[in-house]
Amino acid sequence: MKLVVTEIFHSLQGEGPSIGTPSVFVRLGGCIEPLCPWCDTPYAWHDFEEMDLEEIARRVASFGCRDVVITGGEPFLQWDVGLADLHASLRSSGFRIHYETSGKAGIPSIDDAVVVASPKHIDGAWHIRRPDLANAHWFKFVADGEHSLRAIRSFVSENAIDPEKVYVMPMGATRAQQMERMRPVFLFCRDNGLKMSPRLQVLVFDDERGV
């Protein structure tokens, strides 16, 4: 059995509830429309290769790190065609798994991993199925201005999401973009009882890939 993989690398988790944690990142290839105009990893849409599950597990184990972040692209596009099997294999080997998903392809119910959903607001609409919200343990949102901040506030309120589970990040794939947008996100989180997350990998390495 094979999965479509863009890259596997060792780094620190740069954002969200596990920020600062040494982790192996498995970036699966492919995404689902509508694609995010601001995506900072658009290469994952088309730059990938098929890999055997055994090879993926071997590469993950080679770093000697027990935390694995499975991201994309959109990882759950491959849940029923091999990802669920990789999940079972990694868990049986003692790895802790953390998923990062937009929710556009659905979110399976997973009770032995952490699922962080990052719903996307594109063309005036949220692209995530409301029933799937219950399968996410944490939420991350990206914000680039007042309009997106208002949309985030409404989404959290209308879906009765616990503010303790919400992180808001400044949108931006470069250090300059991050710094430009940090202040309004900081003030928004302070005033709305939400958590703010930086994006450490961008602040440290700017727009380098694989960090």
Protein backbone atom coordinates (compact mmCIF):
# COMPACT_ATOMS: atom_id res chain seq x y z
CA MET A 1 0.00 0.00 0.00
CA LYS A 2 1.27 3.48 -0.87
CA LEU A 3 0.60 7.10 0.08
CA VAL A 4 1.30 10.25 -1.88
CA VAL A 5 4.02 12.11 0.06
CA THR A 6 5.56 15.54 -0.52
CA GLU A 7 8.25 15.53 2.18
CA ILE A 8 9.32 14.03 5.50
CA PHE A 9 11.56 16.06 7.79
CA HIS A 10 12.51 16.66 11.42
CA SER A 11 11.83 20.04 13.00
CA LEU A 12 10.07 21.80 15.87
CA GLN A 13 6.32 22.25 15.79
CA GLY A 14 6.09 25.93 14.97
CA GLU A 15 2.48 26.74 15.82
CA GLY A 16 -0.63 25.81 17.73
CA PRO A 17 -1.09 23.76 20.90
CA SER A 18 2.15 21.75 20.56
CA ILE A 19 4.38 24.70 19.69
CA GLY A 20 8.06 24.10 20.36
CA THR A 21 7.79 20.29 20.37
CA PRO A 22 10.45 18.35 18.40
CA SER A 23 8.49 16.48 15.73
CA VAL A 24 8.80 14.51 12.53
CA PHE A 25 6.64 16.06 9.82
CA VAL A 26 5.01 13.88 7.19
CA ARG A 27 3.59 16.20 4.55
CA LEU A 28 1.16 14.31 2.34
CA GLY A 29 0.56 15.53 -1.19
CA GLY A 30 -2.63 16.72 -2.80
CA CYS A 31 -5.33 19.10 -1.65
CA ILE A 32 -8.98 19.78 -2.32
CA GLU A 33 -10.65 22.78 -3.92
CA PRO A 34 -11.18 25.56 -3.28
CA LEU A 35 -7.45 25.97 -2.83
CA CYS A 36 -6.24 28.64 -0.41
CA PRO A 37 -4.83 31.66 -2.30
CA TRP A 38 -2.52 32.34 0.66
CA CYS A 39 -1.21 28.76 1.05
CA ASP A 40 2.41 28.70 2.23
CA THR A 41 3.01 25.16 0.93
CA PRO A 42 1.46 25.20 -2.57
CA TYR A 43 4.16 22.79 -3.74
CA ALA A 44 2.24 20.08 -1.85
CA TRP A 45 -0.53 20.40 -4.44
CA HIS A 46 1.62 18.88 -7.17
CA ASP A 47 5.12 18.01 -5.89
CA PHE A 48 4.89 14.51 -4.43
CA GLU A 49 5.74 10.85 -4.92
CA GLU A 50 4.18 7.55 -3.97
CA MET A 51 5.79 5.85 -0.98
CA ASP A 52 5.18 2.46 0.61
CA LEU A 53 3.79 2.62 4.13
CA GLU A 54 6.79 0.63 5.37
CA GLU A 55 9.20 3.17 3.86
CA ILE A 56 7.31 6.08 5.43
CA ALA A 57 7.41 4.37 8.83
CA ARG A 58 11.12 3.63 8.41
CA ARG A 59 11.88 7.27 7.52
CA VAL A 60 9.86 8.51 10.50
CA ALA A 61 11.66 6.16 12.89
CA SER A 62 15.09 7.18 11.56
CA PHE A 63 14.91 10.56 13.31
CA GLY A 64 14.59 9.05 16.80
CA CYS A 65 11.68 11.35 17.66
CA ARG A 66 8.39 10.08 19.10
CA ASP A 67 6.08 12.92 17.97
CA VAL A 68 4.78 12.82 14.40
CA VAL A 69 2.85 15.62 12.66
CA ILE A 70 0.88 14.45 9.63
CA THR A 71 -0.08 17.41 7.48
CA GLY A 72 -0.50 18.44 3.86
CA GLY A 73 -1.82 19.48 1.50
CA GLU A 74 -4.87 17.82 2.95
CA PRO A 75 -3.93 14.60 4.78
CA PHE A 76 -7.41 13.17 5.21
CA LEU A 77 -7.83 12.87 1.45
CA GLN A 78 -5.84 9.66 1.93
CA TRP A 79 -7.40 8.38 5.16
CA ASP A 80 -9.29 5.52 3.48
CA VAL A 81 -6.55 4.60 1.02
CA GLY A 82 -3.65 4.00 3.38
CA LEU A 83 -3.37 6.75 5.97
CA ALA A 84 -5.53 4.87 8.48
CA ASP A 85 -3.16 1.90 8.09
CA LEU A 86 -0.08 4.13 8.56
CA HIS A 87 -1.74 5.59 11.65
CA ALA A 88 -2.26 2.12 13.14
CA SER A 89 1.34 1.15 12.36
CA LEU A 90 2.84 4.28 13.92
CA ARG A 91 0.66 4.01 17.01
CA SER A 92 1.56 0.36 17.50
CA SER A 93 5.23 1.44 17.44
CA GLY A 94 4.63 3.98 20.19
CA PHE A 95 4.55 7.20 18.20
CA ARG A 96 2.36 10.13 19.26
CA ILE A 97 0.45 11.51 16.27
CA HIS A 98 -0.77 15.02 15.61
CA TYR A 99 -2.88 15.79 12.51
CA GLU A 100 -3.19 19.18 10.86
CA THR A 101 -6.19 19.45 8.53
CA SER A 102 -8.36 22.06 6.86
CA GLY A 103 -11.36 19.79 7.30
CA LYS A 104 -12.29 20.21 3.62
CA ALA A 105 -12.05 16.44 3.04
CA GLY A 106 -13.85 15.55 6.26
CA ILE A 107 -12.39 14.67 9.66
CA PRO A 108 -12.56 11.07 10.86
CA SER A 109 -13.17 10.35 14.53
CA ILE A 110 -9.75 9.53 15.99
CA ASP A 111 -9.42 8.88 19.71
CA ASP A 112 -5.69 8.11 19.91
CA ALA A 113 -4.23 11.20 18.22
CA VAL A 114 -4.54 14.98 18.36
CA VAL A 115 -6.46 16.58 15.50
CA VAL A 116 -6.00 20.29 14.86
CA ALA A 117 -8.49 21.72 12.37
CA SER A 118 -7.72 24.92 10.49
CA PRO A 119 -11.00 25.85 8.78
CA LYS A 120 -10.58 27.99 5.66
CA HIS A 121 -12.69 31.03 4.85
CA ILE A 122 -12.56 31.37 1.05
CA ASP A 123 -14.81 33.48 -1.17
CA GLY A 124 -17.06 34.40 1.76
CA ALA A 125 -17.70 30.85 2.99
CA TRP A 126 -16.24 28.37 5.46
CA HIS A 127 -15.22 25.09 3.81
CA ILE A 128 -15.70 22.51 6.54
CA ARG A 129 -18.65 20.27 7.37
CA ARG A 130 -20.21 21.35 10.65
CA PRO A 131 -20.61 17.77 12.02
CA ASP A 132 -16.84 17.28 11.62
CA LEU A 133 -16.09 20.07 14.08
CA ALA A 134 -16.74 17.63 16.93
CA ASN A 135 -13.84 15.46 15.71
CA ALA A 136 -11.27 18.25 16.13
CA HIS A 137 -9.49 18.69 19.44
CA TRP A 138 -8.08 22.15 18.67
CA PHE A 139 -8.67 24.87 16.08
CA LYS A 140 -6.22 27.14 14.28
CA PHE A 141 -7.24 30.11 12.17
CA VAL A 142 -5.17 32.42 10.01
CA ALA A 143 -6.02 36.11 9.86
CA ASP A 144 -4.91 38.85 7.49
CA GLY A 145 -7.11 41.77 8.52
CA GLU A 146 -10.31 42.96 10.13
CA HIS A 147 -12.60 41.07 7.74
CA SER A 148 -11.02 37.71 8.53
CA LEU A 149 -10.93 38.47 12.25
CA ARG A 150 -14.66 39.20 12.22
CA ALA A 151 -15.29 35.98 10.31
CA ILE A 152 -13.28 33.99 12.86
CA ARG A 153 -15.16 35.53 15.77
CA SER A 154 -18.51 34.73 14.15
CA PHE A 155 -17.49 31.16 13.31
CA VAL A 156 -16.33 30.42 16.85
CA SER A 157 -19.49 31.93 18.34
CA GLU A 158 -22.00 30.40 15.91
CA ASN A 159 -20.53 26.91 16.34
CA ALA A 160 -20.18 27.20 20.12
CA ILE A 161 -16.47 26.34 19.96
CA ASP A 162 -14.73 26.56 23.32
CA PRO A 163 -12.43 29.62 23.11
CA GLU A 164 -9.83 27.64 25.09
CA LYS A 165 -9.44 25.43 22.01
CA VAL A 166 -8.85 28.27 19.55
CA TYR A 167 -5.54 29.63 18.26
CA VAL A 168 -5.30 32.55 15.83
CA MET A 169 -2.20 33.14 13.72
CA PRO A 170 -1.17 36.01 11.48
CA MET A 171 -1.35 34.99 7.83
CA GLY A 172 1.91 35.09 5.99
CA ALA A 173 4.51 32.82 4.41
CA THR A 174 7.37 35.26 5.04
CA ARG A 175 8.82 36.84 8.17
CA ALA A 176 7.88 40.32 6.96
CA GLN A 177 4.24 39.33 6.42
CA GLN A 178 4.10 37.72 9.85
CA MET A 179 5.49 40.77 11.61
CA GLU A 180 3.18 43.13 9.71
CA ARG A 181 0.06 41.26 10.84
CA MET A 182 0.99 40.30 14.40
CA ARG A 183 -0.26 43.40 16.20
CA PRO A 184 -3.95 43.20 15.15
CA VAL A 185 -4.02 39.45 15.85
CA PHE A 186 -2.49 40.04 19.29
CA LEU A 187 -5.11 42.65 20.16
CA PHE A 188 -7.95 40.52 18.73
CA CYS A 189 -6.98 37.50 20.82
CA ARG A 190 -6.59 39.61 23.94
CA ASP A 191 -9.99 41.21 23.50
CA ASN A 192 -11.84 38.00 22.58
CA GLY A 193 -10.33 35.54 25.04
CA LEU A 194 -8.57 33.47 22.36
CA LYS A 195 -5.01 32.17 22.13
CA MET A 196 -2.52 33.68 19.72
CA SER A 197 0.07 31.51 18.01
CA PRO A 198 3.10 32.73 16.12
CA ARG A 199 4.55 30.64 13.30
CA LEU A 200 8.04 29.94 14.61
CA GLN A 201 9.27 28.25 11.45
CA VAL A 202 8.51 31.39 9.44
CA LEU A 203 9.94 33.79 12.01
CA VAL A 204 13.19 31.80 12.25
CA PHE A 205 13.68 30.56 8.67
CA ASP A 206 11.54 33.00 6.67
CA ASP A 207 10.21 31.16 3.58
CA GLU A 208 12.64 28.21 3.57
CA ARG A 209 11.13 24.83 2.82
CA GLY A 210 11.35 21.71 5.00
CA VAL A 211 11.73 23.38 8.41
